[in-house]
Amino acid sequence: MYRIGDILKIGIIGSGDVGKALASGFAALGNEVVIGSRDPNNEKIKTAVEKMGKLACSGTFEEAAKFGDIIVIATLWVGTENAIKLADQKNFSGKIVIDVTNPLDFSEGAPKLMLGHNNSAGEQVQKWLPESHVVKAFNIVGNAHMFKPEFKNGPPDMFYCGNDENAKKEIAKIIHEFGWANAIDLGDIKSSRLLEPLAMVWITYGLRTSSWNHAFKLLHK
């Protein structure tokens, strides 16, 4: 479908820090990007897009989904289903969807998972988008390290999962283009039940140390 070096059309659903970080990374690699939000004329979004250069622009959720050959869902979990509805399910049909969400509950202060054990955000997104190829990725690290992560021991590894093998191959290419050492396939979308708690490991360590400069590495002997 795609090869490294091709110009991709990327639709980003969500204009928060994660969406902007990934959009900036895709644009830096020479891809065309539309960042979708409820208010494309918001000054903060417009300023962020201007910094990304001519390859990026802002639009509605629907415009971003229509534009993208690959669509990134980077919303807060509580707004994810509605954002997909506003984008219109048919605009995702047949496309690769990168699910970056974590189903976090902040009602008691420190975050905890809303879903787990028997379900996951990744599986739920796949149910909402049955004609799309959903791949869970980029959810196990903070937005500051999503693109070209630099650590003193070298670049970390990114885990991902999804049901479609060809879609996963394309996301593995993107992970490498984004500067990660290895793209590690954990199988079908049910492995989101593992990746989302892994995000909680990343968050919990960050809260305990008041530092967010860490990532995961799989070591082999």
N, C-alpha and C. Protein backbone atom coordinates (compact mmCIF):
# COMPACT_ATOMS: atom_id res chain seq x y z
N MET A 1 0.83 -1.20 0.00
CA MET A 1 0.00 0.00 0.00
C MET A 1 0.86 1.26 0.00
N TYR A 2 1.78 1.35 0.98
CA TYR A 2 2.68 2.49 1.08
C TYR A 2 4.10 1.97 1.26
N ARG A 3 5.06 2.82 0.95
CA ARG A 3 6.45 2.48 1.20
C ARG A 3 7.12 3.65 1.88
N ILE A 4 8.17 3.36 2.66
CA ILE A 4 8.94 4.44 3.24
C ILE A 4 9.46 5.33 2.12
N GLY A 5 9.28 6.63 2.27
CA GLY A 5 9.71 7.55 1.23
C GLY A 5 8.54 8.11 0.46
N ASP A 6 7.41 7.40 0.42
CA ASP A 6 6.21 7.93 -0.21
C ASP A 6 5.67 9.08 0.62
N ILE A 7 5.01 10.02 -0.04
CA ILE A 7 4.32 11.08 0.68
C ILE A 7 2.97 10.53 1.11
N LEU A 8 2.75 10.48 2.39
CA LEU A 8 1.49 9.98 2.93
C LEU A 8 0.54 11.12 3.23
N LYS A 9 -0.74 10.83 3.14
CA LYS A 9 -1.77 11.77 3.58
C LYS A 9 -2.26 11.30 4.94
N ILE A 10 -2.04 12.12 5.95
CA ILE A 10 -2.33 11.75 7.32
C ILE A 10 -3.45 12.62 7.88
N GLY A 11 -4.48 11.99 8.42
CA GLY A 11 -5.53 12.70 9.13
C GLY A 11 -5.37 12.46 10.62
N ILE A 12 -5.31 13.53 11.38
CA ILE A 12 -5.16 13.42 12.84
C ILE A 12 -6.49 13.80 13.48
N ILE A 13 -7.07 12.88 14.23
CA ILE A 13 -8.30 13.16 14.96
C ILE A 13 -7.91 13.51 16.39
N GLY A 14 -7.88 14.80 16.69
CA GLY A 14 -7.46 15.26 18.01
C GLY A 14 -6.35 16.28 17.90
N SER A 15 -6.54 17.42 18.55
CA SER A 15 -5.56 18.51 18.42
C SER A 15 -4.86 18.82 19.73
N GLY A 16 -4.85 17.87 20.66
CA GLY A 16 -4.10 18.04 21.91
C GLY A 16 -2.62 17.84 21.69
N ASP A 17 -1.87 17.73 22.79
CA ASP A 17 -0.41 17.62 22.68
C ASP A 17 0.02 16.38 21.91
N VAL A 18 -0.68 15.26 22.09
CA VAL A 18 -0.32 14.03 21.38
C VAL A 18 -0.58 14.19 19.88
N GLY A 19 -1.75 14.69 19.53
CA GLY A 19 -2.08 14.89 18.12
C GLY A 19 -1.11 15.83 17.44
N LYS A 20 -0.76 16.91 18.12
CA LYS A 20 0.16 17.88 17.54
C LYS A 20 1.57 17.30 17.41
N ALA A 21 1.99 16.52 18.39
CA ALA A 21 3.33 15.92 18.32
C ALA A 21 3.45 14.96 17.15
N LEU A 22 2.44 14.12 16.97
CA LEU A 22 2.47 13.17 15.86
C LEU A 22 2.33 13.89 14.52
N ALA A 23 1.46 14.89 14.46
CA ALA A 23 1.31 15.67 13.23
C ALA A 23 2.62 16.33 12.85
N SER A 24 3.31 16.91 13.83
CA SER A 24 4.59 17.55 13.57
C SER A 24 5.61 16.55 13.05
N GLY A 25 5.61 15.34 13.62
CA GLY A 25 6.53 14.31 13.17
C GLY A 25 6.26 13.89 11.73
N PHE A 26 5.00 13.66 11.41
CA PHE A 26 4.65 13.28 10.04
C PHE A 26 5.02 14.39 9.06
N ALA A 27 4.75 15.63 9.41
CA ALA A 27 5.08 16.74 8.52
C ALA A 27 6.59 16.88 8.35
N ALA A 28 7.35 16.67 9.43
CA ALA A 28 8.81 16.77 9.35
C ALA A 28 9.39 15.74 8.40
N LEU A 29 8.68 14.62 8.22
CA LEU A 29 9.13 13.57 7.30
C LEU A 29 8.64 13.80 5.87
N GLY A 30 7.97 14.93 5.65
CA GLY A 30 7.54 15.28 4.31
C GLY A 30 6.15 14.81 3.93
N ASN A 31 5.36 14.42 4.91
CA ASN A 31 3.99 13.97 4.65
C ASN A 31 3.00 15.11 4.80
N GLU A 32 1.86 14.98 4.14
CA GLU A 32 0.80 15.98 4.24
C GLU A 32 -0.14 15.62 5.39
N VAL A 33 -0.49 16.62 6.19
CA VAL A 33 -1.22 16.36 7.43
C VAL A 33 -2.38 17.34 7.58
N VAL A 34 -3.53 16.80 7.98
CA VAL A 34 -4.66 17.63 8.41
C VAL A 34 -4.98 17.28 9.85
N ILE A 35 -4.92 18.27 10.74
CA ILE A 35 -5.26 18.07 12.14
C ILE A 35 -6.73 18.42 12.35
N GLY A 36 -7.52 17.43 12.73
CA GLY A 36 -8.94 17.62 12.92
C GLY A 36 -9.29 17.99 14.36
N SER A 37 -10.20 18.94 14.51
CA SER A 37 -10.65 19.35 15.84
C SER A 37 -12.07 19.89 15.74
N ARG A 38 -12.67 20.20 16.88
CA ARG A 38 -14.00 20.79 16.90
C ARG A 38 -13.98 22.21 16.36
N ASP A 39 -12.87 22.91 16.57
CA ASP A 39 -12.77 24.31 16.15
C ASP A 39 -11.44 24.53 15.42
N PRO A 40 -11.43 24.32 14.11
CA PRO A 40 -10.19 24.45 13.34
C PRO A 40 -9.60 25.86 13.34
N ASN A 41 -10.42 26.86 13.71
CA ASN A 41 -9.96 28.24 13.71
C ASN A 41 -9.43 28.69 15.07
N ASN A 42 -9.35 27.77 16.02
CA ASN A 42 -8.77 28.07 17.32
C ASN A 42 -7.35 28.59 17.14
N GLU A 43 -7.03 29.68 17.81
CA GLU A 43 -5.73 30.33 17.61
C GLU A 43 -4.56 29.43 17.99
N LYS A 44 -4.70 28.64 19.05
CA LYS A 44 -3.62 27.74 19.46
C LYS A 44 -3.35 26.69 18.39
N ILE A 45 -4.43 26.17 17.79
CA ILE A 45 -4.26 25.17 16.73
C ILE A 45 -3.62 25.80 15.51
N LYS A 46 -4.09 26.97 15.13
CA LYS A 46 -3.54 27.66 13.96
C LYS A 46 -2.06 27.97 14.14
N THR A 47 -1.68 28.39 15.35
CA THR A 47 -0.28 28.69 15.63
C THR A 47 0.58 27.43 15.54
N ALA A 48 0.06 26.33 16.10
CA ALA A 48 0.79 25.06 16.05
C ALA A 48 0.97 24.59 14.61
N VAL A 49 -0.06 24.71 13.82
CA VAL A 49 0.00 24.28 12.42
C VAL A 49 0.99 25.12 11.63
N GLU A 50 1.01 26.41 11.89
CA GLU A 50 1.95 27.29 11.19
C GLU A 50 3.40 26.89 11.44
N LYS A 51 3.68 26.42 12.66
CA LYS A 51 5.04 25.99 13.00
C LYS A 51 5.44 24.72 12.25
N MET A 52 4.44 23.94 11.83
CA MET A 52 4.72 22.69 11.12
C MET A 52 5.04 22.91 9.65
N GLY A 53 4.76 24.09 9.14
CA GLY A 53 5.07 24.39 7.75
C GLY A 53 3.91 24.14 6.80
N LYS A 54 4.19 24.21 5.53
CA LYS A 54 3.16 24.19 4.49
C LYS A 54 2.48 22.83 4.32
N LEU A 55 3.09 21.78 4.85
CA LEU A 55 2.50 20.45 4.66
C LEU A 55 1.36 20.16 5.63
N ALA A 56 1.15 21.03 6.62
CA ALA A 56 0.12 20.80 7.63
C ALA A 56 -0.95 21.88 7.57
N CYS A 57 -2.17 21.48 7.89
CA CYS A 57 -3.26 22.44 8.01
C CYS A 57 -4.27 21.92 9.01
N SER A 58 -5.18 22.77 9.43
CA SER A 58 -6.20 22.37 10.39
C SER A 58 -7.54 22.22 9.67
N GLY A 59 -8.40 21.40 10.25
CA GLY A 59 -9.72 21.16 9.68
C GLY A 59 -10.64 20.57 10.73
N THR A 60 -11.82 20.21 10.31
CA THR A 60 -12.74 19.54 11.21
C THR A 60 -12.35 18.06 11.33
N PHE A 61 -12.97 17.37 12.27
CA PHE A 61 -12.76 15.93 12.37
C PHE A 61 -13.09 15.25 11.03
N GLU A 62 -14.20 15.66 10.43
CA GLU A 62 -14.63 15.04 9.18
C GLU A 62 -13.63 15.31 8.06
N GLU A 63 -13.14 16.54 7.98
CA GLU A 63 -12.17 16.88 6.93
C GLU A 63 -10.87 16.09 7.10
N ALA A 64 -10.44 15.93 8.34
CA ALA A 64 -9.21 15.17 8.59
C ALA A 64 -9.38 13.71 8.21
N ALA A 65 -10.54 13.12 8.56
CA ALA A 65 -10.79 11.72 8.24
C ALA A 65 -10.92 11.50 6.74
N LYS A 66 -11.57 12.42 6.05
CA LYS A 66 -11.69 12.31 4.60
C LYS A 66 -10.33 12.39 3.93
N PHE A 67 -9.48 13.28 4.43
CA PHE A 67 -8.18 13.53 3.81
C PHE A 67 -7.22 12.36 3.98
N GLY A 68 -7.20 11.78 5.16
CA GLY A 68 -6.16 10.82 5.49
C GLY A 68 -6.29 9.47 4.81
N ASP A 69 -5.18 9.00 4.24
CA ASP A 69 -5.08 7.59 3.85
C ASP A 69 -4.79 6.76 5.09
N ILE A 70 -4.06 7.38 6.02
CA ILE A 70 -3.84 6.83 7.35
C ILE A 70 -4.41 7.83 8.34
N ILE A 71 -5.21 7.35 9.29
CA ILE A 71 -5.87 8.24 10.25
C ILE A 71 -5.36 7.90 11.65
N VAL A 72 -4.99 8.93 12.39
CA VAL A 72 -4.52 8.77 13.76
C VAL A 72 -5.62 9.25 14.71
N ILE A 73 -5.99 8.41 15.67
CA ILE A 73 -6.94 8.82 16.70
C ILE A 73 -6.15 9.16 17.95
N ALA A 74 -6.13 10.45 18.29
CA ALA A 74 -5.32 10.95 19.41
C ALA A 74 -6.17 11.84 20.31
N THR A 75 -7.32 11.34 20.69
CA THR A 75 -8.25 12.08 21.53
C THR A 75 -8.19 11.59 22.98
N LEU A 76 -8.71 12.40 23.89
CA LEU A 76 -8.97 11.89 25.22
C LEU A 76 -10.01 10.79 25.09
N TRP A 77 -9.89 9.74 25.88
CA TRP A 77 -10.77 8.60 25.70
C TRP A 77 -12.24 8.95 25.83
N VAL A 78 -12.59 9.83 26.76
CA VAL A 78 -14.00 10.17 26.98
C VAL A 78 -14.63 10.82 25.75
N GLY A 79 -13.81 11.39 24.86
CA GLY A 79 -14.36 12.03 23.67
C GLY A 79 -14.14 11.26 22.39
N THR A 80 -13.57 10.06 22.49
CA THR A 80 -13.18 9.33 21.28
C THR A 80 -14.37 8.90 20.45
N GLU A 81 -15.37 8.28 21.06
CA GLU A 81 -16.51 7.80 20.29
C GLU A 81 -17.21 8.95 19.58
N ASN A 82 -17.39 10.06 20.27
CA ASN A 82 -18.07 11.19 19.65
C ASN A 82 -17.24 11.79 18.53
N ALA A 83 -15.93 11.84 18.70
CA ALA A 83 -15.06 12.37 17.64
C ALA A 83 -15.16 11.51 16.39
N ILE A 84 -15.22 10.19 16.57
CA ILE A 84 -15.39 9.29 15.42
C ILE A 84 -16.73 9.54 14.74
N LYS A 85 -17.78 9.74 15.52
CA LYS A 85 -19.10 10.03 14.95
C LYS A 85 -19.07 11.34 14.16
N LEU A 86 -18.43 12.37 14.72
CA LEU A 86 -18.34 13.66 14.02
C LEU A 86 -17.52 13.53 12.74
N ALA A 87 -16.52 12.67 12.77
CA ALA A 87 -15.68 12.45 11.57
C ALA A 87 -16.40 11.64 10.51
N ASP A 88 -17.42 10.88 10.91
CA ASP A 88 -18.25 10.03 10.05
C ASP A 88 -17.53 8.71 9.74
N GLN A 89 -18.12 7.65 10.22
CA GLN A 89 -17.52 6.32 10.11
C GLN A 89 -17.11 5.96 8.69
N LYS A 90 -17.89 6.38 7.70
CA LYS A 90 -17.59 6.00 6.32
C LYS A 90 -16.25 6.56 5.84
N ASN A 91 -15.79 7.64 6.46
CA ASN A 91 -14.50 8.23 6.06
C ASN A 91 -13.30 7.43 6.54
N PHE A 92 -13.54 6.45 7.40
CA PHE A 92 -12.47 5.57 7.89
C PHE A 92 -12.42 4.25 7.12
N SER A 93 -13.44 3.99 6.32
CA SER A 93 -13.59 2.68 5.70
C SER A 93 -12.41 2.31 4.81
N GLY A 94 -11.86 1.11 5.04
CA GLY A 94 -10.76 0.60 4.24
C GLY A 94 -9.40 1.20 4.56
N LYS A 95 -9.34 2.10 5.55
CA LYS A 95 -8.10 2.79 5.85
C LYS A 95 -7.41 2.21 7.09
N ILE A 96 -6.12 2.50 7.21
CA ILE A 96 -5.38 2.17 8.41
C ILE A 96 -5.67 3.25 9.45
N VAL A 97 -5.99 2.82 10.66
CA VAL A 97 -6.25 3.74 11.76
C VAL A 97 -5.26 3.43 12.89
N ILE A 98 -4.47 4.41 13.26
CA ILE A 98 -3.55 4.25 14.40
C ILE A 98 -4.28 4.75 15.65
N ASP A 99 -4.52 3.85 16.58
CA ASP A 99 -5.16 4.21 17.84
C ASP A 99 -4.10 4.50 18.89
N VAL A 100 -4.01 5.76 19.30
CA VAL A 100 -3.01 6.19 20.27
C VAL A 100 -3.66 6.40 21.65
N THR A 101 -4.94 6.15 21.77
CA THR A 101 -5.66 6.49 22.99
C THR A 101 -5.32 5.56 24.15
N ASN A 102 -5.51 6.08 25.36
CA ASN A 102 -5.49 5.28 26.58
C ASN A 102 -6.77 5.60 27.35
N PRO A 103 -7.52 4.59 27.78
CA PRO A 103 -8.82 4.83 28.43
C PRO A 103 -8.64 5.22 29.90
N LEU A 104 -8.23 6.46 30.14
CA LEU A 104 -7.88 6.90 31.48
C LEU A 104 -9.05 7.59 32.18
N ASP A 105 -9.17 7.33 33.45
CA ASP A 105 -10.18 7.92 34.32
C ASP A 105 -9.46 8.81 35.33
N PHE A 106 -9.77 10.12 35.30
CA PHE A 106 -9.13 11.08 36.19
C PHE A 106 -10.06 11.53 37.32
N SER A 107 -11.16 10.84 37.52
CA SER A 107 -12.18 11.29 38.47
C SER A 107 -11.70 11.31 39.92
N GLU A 108 -10.70 10.51 40.24
CA GLU A 108 -10.19 10.46 41.60
C GLU A 108 -8.80 11.07 41.71
N GLY A 109 -8.46 11.91 40.73
CA GLY A 109 -7.14 12.54 40.74
C GLY A 109 -6.15 11.80 39.88
N ALA A 110 -5.35 10.94 40.48
CA ALA A 110 -4.37 10.16 39.72
C ALA A 110 -5.10 9.28 38.71
N PRO A 111 -4.61 9.16 37.50
CA PRO A 111 -5.31 8.38 36.48
C PRO A 111 -5.33 6.90 36.77
N LYS A 112 -6.40 6.26 36.33
CA LYS A 112 -6.51 4.80 36.36
C LYS A 112 -7.22 4.38 35.08
N LEU A 113 -7.14 3.11 34.74
CA LEU A 113 -7.76 2.61 33.51
C LEU A 113 -9.26 2.42 33.70
N MET A 114 -10.04 2.87 32.69
CA MET A 114 -11.47 2.62 32.66
C MET A 114 -11.77 1.20 32.18
N LEU A 115 -10.92 0.71 31.29
CA LEU A 115 -11.11 -0.60 30.68
C LEU A 115 -9.91 -1.48 31.01
N GLY A 116 -10.10 -2.78 30.94
CA GLY A 116 -8.98 -3.68 31.16
C GLY A 116 -9.44 -5.11 31.36
N HIS A 117 -8.51 -6.04 31.23
CA HIS A 117 -8.74 -7.47 31.41
C HIS A 117 -9.62 -8.06 30.30
N ASN A 118 -10.87 -7.59 30.19
CA ASN A 118 -11.81 -8.17 29.23
C ASN A 118 -12.09 -7.26 28.04
N ASN A 119 -11.50 -6.09 28.01
CA ASN A 119 -11.74 -5.15 26.93
C ASN A 119 -10.61 -4.13 26.92
N SER A 120 -10.56 -3.33 25.87
CA SER A 120 -9.53 -2.30 25.76
C SER A 120 -10.01 -1.22 24.82
N ALA A 121 -9.35 -0.09 24.86
CA ALA A 121 -9.68 1.00 23.94
C ALA A 121 -9.42 0.57 22.50
N GLY A 122 -8.32 -0.14 22.29
CA GLY A 122 -8.01 -0.59 20.93
C GLY A 122 -9.09 -1.47 20.35
N GLU A 123 -9.59 -2.41 21.14
CA GLU A 123 -10.67 -3.29 20.68
C GLU A 123 -11.95 -2.51 20.45
N GLN A 124 -12.21 -1.53 21.32
CA GLN A 124 -13.43 -0.75 21.18
C GLN A 124 -13.40 0.09 19.90
N VAL A 125 -12.24 0.71 19.62
CA VAL A 125 -12.11 1.48 18.38
C VAL A 125 -12.32 0.58 17.17
N GLN A 126 -11.78 -0.63 17.21
CA GLN A 126 -11.98 -1.56 16.09
C GLN A 126 -13.45 -1.92 15.93
N LYS A 127 -14.20 -2.04 17.04
CA LYS A 127 -15.63 -2.32 16.96
C LYS A 127 -16.39 -1.14 16.37
N TRP A 128 -15.98 0.07 16.74
CA TRP A 128 -16.63 1.25 16.19
C TRP A 128 -16.31 1.44 14.71
N LEU A 129 -15.16 0.91 14.28
CA LEU A 129 -14.71 1.07 12.90
C LEU A 129 -14.45 -0.30 12.28
N PRO A 130 -15.50 -1.11 12.09
CA PRO A 130 -15.31 -2.49 11.65
C PRO A 130 -14.72 -2.63 10.25
N GLU A 131 -14.83 -1.60 9.43
CA GLU A 131 -14.29 -1.67 8.07
C GLU A 131 -12.90 -1.04 7.97
N SER A 132 -12.30 -0.71 9.10
CA SER A 132 -10.96 -0.12 9.13
C SER A 132 -9.96 -1.11 9.70
N HIS A 133 -8.69 -0.83 9.50
CA HIS A 133 -7.62 -1.68 10.00
C HIS A 133 -6.94 -0.94 11.16
N VAL A 134 -7.40 -1.21 12.36
CA VAL A 134 -6.93 -0.48 13.54
C VAL A 134 -5.64 -1.11 14.07
N VAL A 135 -4.65 -0.26 14.31
CA VAL A 135 -3.38 -0.69 14.89
C VAL A 135 -3.12 0.18 16.12
N LYS A 136 -2.92 -0.46 17.25
CA LYS A 136 -2.58 0.25 18.48
C LYS A 136 -1.09 0.53 18.49
N ALA A 137 -0.72 1.80 18.68
CA ALA A 137 0.71 2.16 18.71
C ALA A 137 0.87 3.54 19.32
N PHE A 138 2.07 3.84 19.76
CA PHE A 138 2.45 5.15 20.29
C PHE A 138 1.72 5.53 21.58
N ASN A 139 1.10 4.58 22.25
CA ASN A 139 0.36 4.90 23.47
C ASN A 139 1.18 4.69 24.74
N ILE A 140 2.42 4.20 24.62
CA ILE A 140 3.18 3.79 25.81
C ILE A 140 4.30 4.78 26.16
N VAL A 141 4.19 6.00 25.66
CA VAL A 141 5.21 7.02 25.92
C VAL A 141 4.55 8.38 25.83
N GLY A 142 5.16 9.39 26.43
CA GLY A 142 4.62 10.74 26.37
C GLY A 142 4.88 11.40 25.03
N ASN A 143 4.10 12.43 24.75
CA ASN A 143 4.17 13.08 23.44
C ASN A 143 5.56 13.66 23.14
N ALA A 144 6.30 14.04 24.17
CA ALA A 144 7.62 14.65 23.95
C ALA A 144 8.61 13.69 23.31
N HIS A 145 8.34 12.38 23.43
CA HIS A 145 9.29 11.37 22.93
C HIS A 145 8.71 10.53 21.78
N MET A 146 7.61 10.94 21.21
CA MET A 146 7.00 10.12 20.16
C MET A 146 7.78 10.17 18.85
N PHE A 147 8.37 11.31 18.56
CA PHE A 147 9.12 11.48 17.32
C PHE A 147 10.60 11.67 17.62
N LYS A 148 11.44 10.82 16.99
CA LYS A 148 12.90 10.87 17.16
C LYS A 148 13.29 10.86 18.64
N PRO A 149 12.88 9.85 19.40
CA PRO A 149 13.21 9.80 20.83
C PRO A 149 14.71 9.64 21.05
N GLU A 150 15.26 10.45 21.93
CA GLU A 150 16.69 10.42 22.21
C GLU A 150 16.91 10.09 23.68
N PHE A 151 17.63 8.99 23.93
CA PHE A 151 17.97 8.57 25.28
C PHE A 151 19.44 8.19 25.30
N LYS A 152 20.07 8.30 26.46
CA LYS A 152 21.51 8.08 26.53
C LYS A 152 21.91 6.66 26.16
N ASN A 153 20.99 5.69 26.32
CA ASN A 153 21.28 4.31 25.94
C ASN A 153 20.75 3.95 24.56
N GLY A 154 20.43 4.97 23.78
CA GLY A 154 19.93 4.74 22.43
C GLY A 154 18.43 4.79 22.36
N PRO A 155 17.87 4.71 21.16
CA PRO A 155 16.42 4.80 21.00
C PRO A 155 15.70 3.61 21.60
N PRO A 156 14.50 3.84 22.14
CA PRO A 156 13.72 2.75 22.74
C PRO A 156 12.95 1.95 21.70
N ASP A 157 12.18 0.98 22.18
CA ASP A 157 11.35 0.14 21.32
C ASP A 157 9.88 0.55 21.44
N MET A 158 9.14 0.39 20.35
CA MET A 158 7.71 0.65 20.35
C MET A 158 6.95 -0.65 20.08
N PHE A 159 6.02 -0.97 20.96
CA PHE A 159 5.15 -2.13 20.79
C PHE A 159 3.88 -1.71 20.05
N TYR A 160 3.33 -2.63 19.27
CA TYR A 160 2.10 -2.33 18.55
C TYR A 160 1.32 -3.62 18.34
N CYS A 161 0.04 -3.50 18.00
CA CYS A 161 -0.78 -4.68 17.74
C CYS A 161 -1.95 -4.31 16.84
N GLY A 162 -2.51 -5.31 16.17
CA GLY A 162 -3.66 -5.10 15.29
C GLY A 162 -4.00 -6.38 14.56
N ASN A 163 -5.15 -6.40 13.94
CA ASN A 163 -5.63 -7.62 13.30
C ASN A 163 -5.12 -7.82 11.88
N ASP A 164 -4.80 -6.74 11.19
CA ASP A 164 -4.44 -6.82 9.77
C ASP A 164 -2.92 -6.79 9.60
N GLU A 165 -2.36 -7.84 9.01
CA GLU A 165 -0.91 -7.94 8.89
C GLU A 165 -0.31 -6.86 8.00
N ASN A 166 -0.95 -6.54 6.90
CA ASN A 166 -0.42 -5.50 6.01
C ASN A 166 -0.45 -4.14 6.68
N ALA A 167 -1.53 -3.86 7.42
CA ALA A 167 -1.60 -2.58 8.14
C ALA A 167 -0.48 -2.49 9.16
N LYS A 168 -0.22 -3.59 9.86
CA LYS A 168 0.84 -3.57 10.86
C LYS A 168 2.21 -3.35 10.23
N LYS A 169 2.43 -3.89 9.05
CA LYS A 169 3.70 -3.68 8.36
C LYS A 169 3.91 -2.20 8.06
N GLU A 170 2.84 -1.53 7.66
CA GLU A 170 2.95 -0.10 7.36
C GLU A 170 3.23 0.71 8.62
N ILE A 171 2.60 0.33 9.71
CA ILE A 171 2.84 1.06 10.96
C ILE A 171 4.25 0.78 11.47
N ALA A 172 4.75 -0.43 11.28
CA ALA A 172 6.13 -0.73 11.66
C ALA A 172 7.10 0.18 10.89
N LYS A 173 6.83 0.41 9.62
CA LYS A 173 7.67 1.32 8.83
C LYS A 173 7.63 2.73 9.41
N ILE A 174 6.45 3.17 9.77
CA ILE A 174 6.30 4.51 10.35
C ILE A 174 7.05 4.60 11.67
N ILE A 175 6.94 3.57 12.50
CA ILE A 175 7.64 3.56 13.78
C ILE A 175 9.15 3.73 13.56
N HIS A 176 9.70 3.02 12.58
CA HIS A 176 11.12 3.15 12.28
C HIS A 176 11.44 4.55 11.74
N GLU A 177 10.59 5.06 10.87
CA GLU A 177 10.80 6.42 10.35
C GLU A 177 10.78 7.45 11.45
N PHE A 178 9.99 7.19 12.49
CA PHE A 178 9.89 8.11 13.62
C PHE A 178 11.08 7.98 14.57
N GLY A 179 12.01 7.09 14.27
CA GLY A 179 13.25 7.03 15.01
C GLY A 179 13.32 6.02 16.13
N TRP A 180 12.37 5.10 16.19
CA TRP A 180 12.40 4.07 17.22
C TRP A 180 13.32 2.93 16.80
N ALA A 181 13.97 2.30 17.78
CA ALA A 181 14.94 1.25 17.46
C ALA A 181 14.27 0.05 16.83
N ASN A 182 13.20 -0.42 17.46
CA ASN A 182 12.51 -1.61 16.97
C ASN A 182 11.00 -1.42 17.09
N ALA A 183 10.29 -1.98 16.12
CA ALA A 183 8.83 -2.05 16.15
C ALA A 183 8.47 -3.49 16.49
N ILE A 184 7.84 -3.70 17.63
CA ILE A 184 7.63 -5.05 18.15
C ILE A 184 6.15 -5.41 18.10
N ASP A 185 5.83 -6.39 17.28
CA ASP A 185 4.45 -6.82 17.04
C ASP A 185 3.99 -7.76 18.15
N LEU A 186 2.92 -7.38 18.84
CA LEU A 186 2.38 -8.21 19.91
C LEU A 186 1.13 -8.99 19.50
N GLY A 187 0.85 -9.04 18.20
CA GLY A 187 -0.27 -9.85 17.76
C GLY A 187 -1.52 -9.04 17.44
N ASP A 188 -2.69 -9.65 17.68
CA ASP A 188 -3.93 -9.01 17.27
C ASP A 188 -4.34 -7.89 18.23
N ILE A 189 -5.44 -7.24 17.91
CA ILE A 189 -5.85 -6.03 18.63
C ILE A 189 -6.14 -6.30 20.10
N LYS A 190 -6.40 -7.55 20.47
CA LYS A 190 -6.63 -7.88 21.88
C LYS A 190 -5.42 -7.58 22.75
N SER A 191 -4.25 -7.50 22.13
CA SER A 191 -3.06 -7.16 22.90
C SER A 191 -3.05 -5.71 23.37
N SER A 192 -4.05 -4.94 22.94
CA SER A 192 -4.25 -3.61 23.52
C SER A 192 -4.50 -3.71 25.02
N ARG A 193 -5.02 -4.89 25.45
CA ARG A 193 -5.24 -5.13 26.89
C ARG A 193 -3.92 -5.17 27.65
N LEU A 194 -2.83 -5.38 26.93
CA LEU A 194 -1.50 -5.34 27.52
C LEU A 194 -0.85 -3.97 27.37
N LEU A 195 -1.03 -3.36 26.21
CA LEU A 195 -0.37 -2.08 25.93
C LEU A 195 -0.94 -0.94 26.76
N GLU A 196 -2.23 -0.97 27.02
CA GLU A 196 -2.83 0.11 27.80
C GLU A 196 -2.40 0.07 29.27
N PRO A 197 -2.34 -1.11 29.91
CA PRO A 197 -1.72 -1.16 31.24
C PRO A 197 -0.23 -0.81 31.22
N LEU A 198 0.46 -1.12 30.11
CA LEU A 198 1.86 -0.73 30.00
C LEU A 198 1.99 0.79 30.02
N ALA A 199 1.02 1.47 29.41
CA ALA A 199 1.00 2.93 29.48
C ALA A 199 0.86 3.39 30.93
N MET A 200 0.08 2.65 31.71
CA MET A 200 -0.07 2.99 33.13
C MET A 200 1.25 2.79 33.89
N VAL A 201 2.05 1.82 33.48
CA VAL A 201 3.38 1.66 34.08
C VAL A 201 4.20 2.92 33.80
N TRP A 202 4.16 3.39 32.56
CA TRP A 202 4.89 4.60 32.18
C TRP A 202 4.41 5.79 32.99
N ILE A 203 3.09 5.93 33.12
CA ILE A 203 2.50 7.06 33.86
C ILE A 203 2.82 6.98 35.34
N THR A 204 2.66 5.79 35.92
CA THR A 204 2.89 5.63 37.36
C THR A 204 4.33 5.95 37.73
N TYR A 205 5.27 5.47 36.92
CA TYR A 205 6.68 5.77 37.17
C TYR A 205 6.92 7.27 37.07
N GLY A 206 6.30 7.91 36.09
CA GLY A 206 6.45 9.35 35.93
C GLY A 206 5.93 10.13 37.13
N LEU A 207 4.78 9.71 37.65
CA LEU A 207 4.21 10.37 38.81
C LEU A 207 5.08 10.18 40.05
N ARG A 208 5.65 8.99 40.21
CA ARG A 208 6.47 8.71 41.39
C ARG A 208 7.81 9.45 41.36
N THR A 209 8.33 9.68 40.17
CA THR A 209 9.66 10.29 40.04
C THR A 209 9.60 11.75 39.62
N SER A 210 8.41 12.23 39.27
CA SER A 210 8.25 13.59 38.76
C SER A 210 9.14 13.83 37.54
N SER A 211 9.29 12.79 36.74
CA SER A 211 10.09 12.87 35.52
C SER A 211 9.38 12.07 34.43
N TRP A 212 9.43 12.60 33.22
CA TRP A 212 8.71 11.96 32.12
C TRP A 212 9.65 11.58 30.98
N ASN A 213 10.92 11.46 31.31
CA ASN A 213 11.91 11.14 30.29
C ASN A 213 12.33 9.67 30.39
N HIS A 214 11.38 8.79 30.13
CA HIS A 214 11.67 7.36 30.17
C HIS A 214 10.85 6.66 29.08
N ALA A 215 11.30 5.48 28.70
CA ALA A 215 10.63 4.69 27.67
C ALA A 215 11.05 3.23 27.86
N PHE A 216 10.50 2.35 27.05
CA PHE A 216 10.71 0.91 27.23
C PHE A 216 11.67 0.33 26.18
N LYS A 217 12.41 -0.69 26.61
CA LYS A 217 13.32 -1.38 25.73
C LYS A 217 13.24 -2.86 26.00
N LEU A 218 13.05 -3.67 24.96
CA LEU A 218 13.03 -5.12 25.10
C LEU A 218 14.45 -5.66 24.87
N LEU A 219 15.00 -6.30 25.89
CA LEU A 219 16.37 -6.82 25.79
C LEU A 219 16.37 -8.29 25.43
N HIS A 220 17.34 -8.69 24.62
CA HIS A 220 17.49 -10.07 24.20
C HIS A 220 18.85 -10.60 24.65
N LYS A 221 18.88 -11.87 24.94
CA LYS A 221 20.15 -12.50 25.33
C LYS A 221 20.60 -13.45 24.24
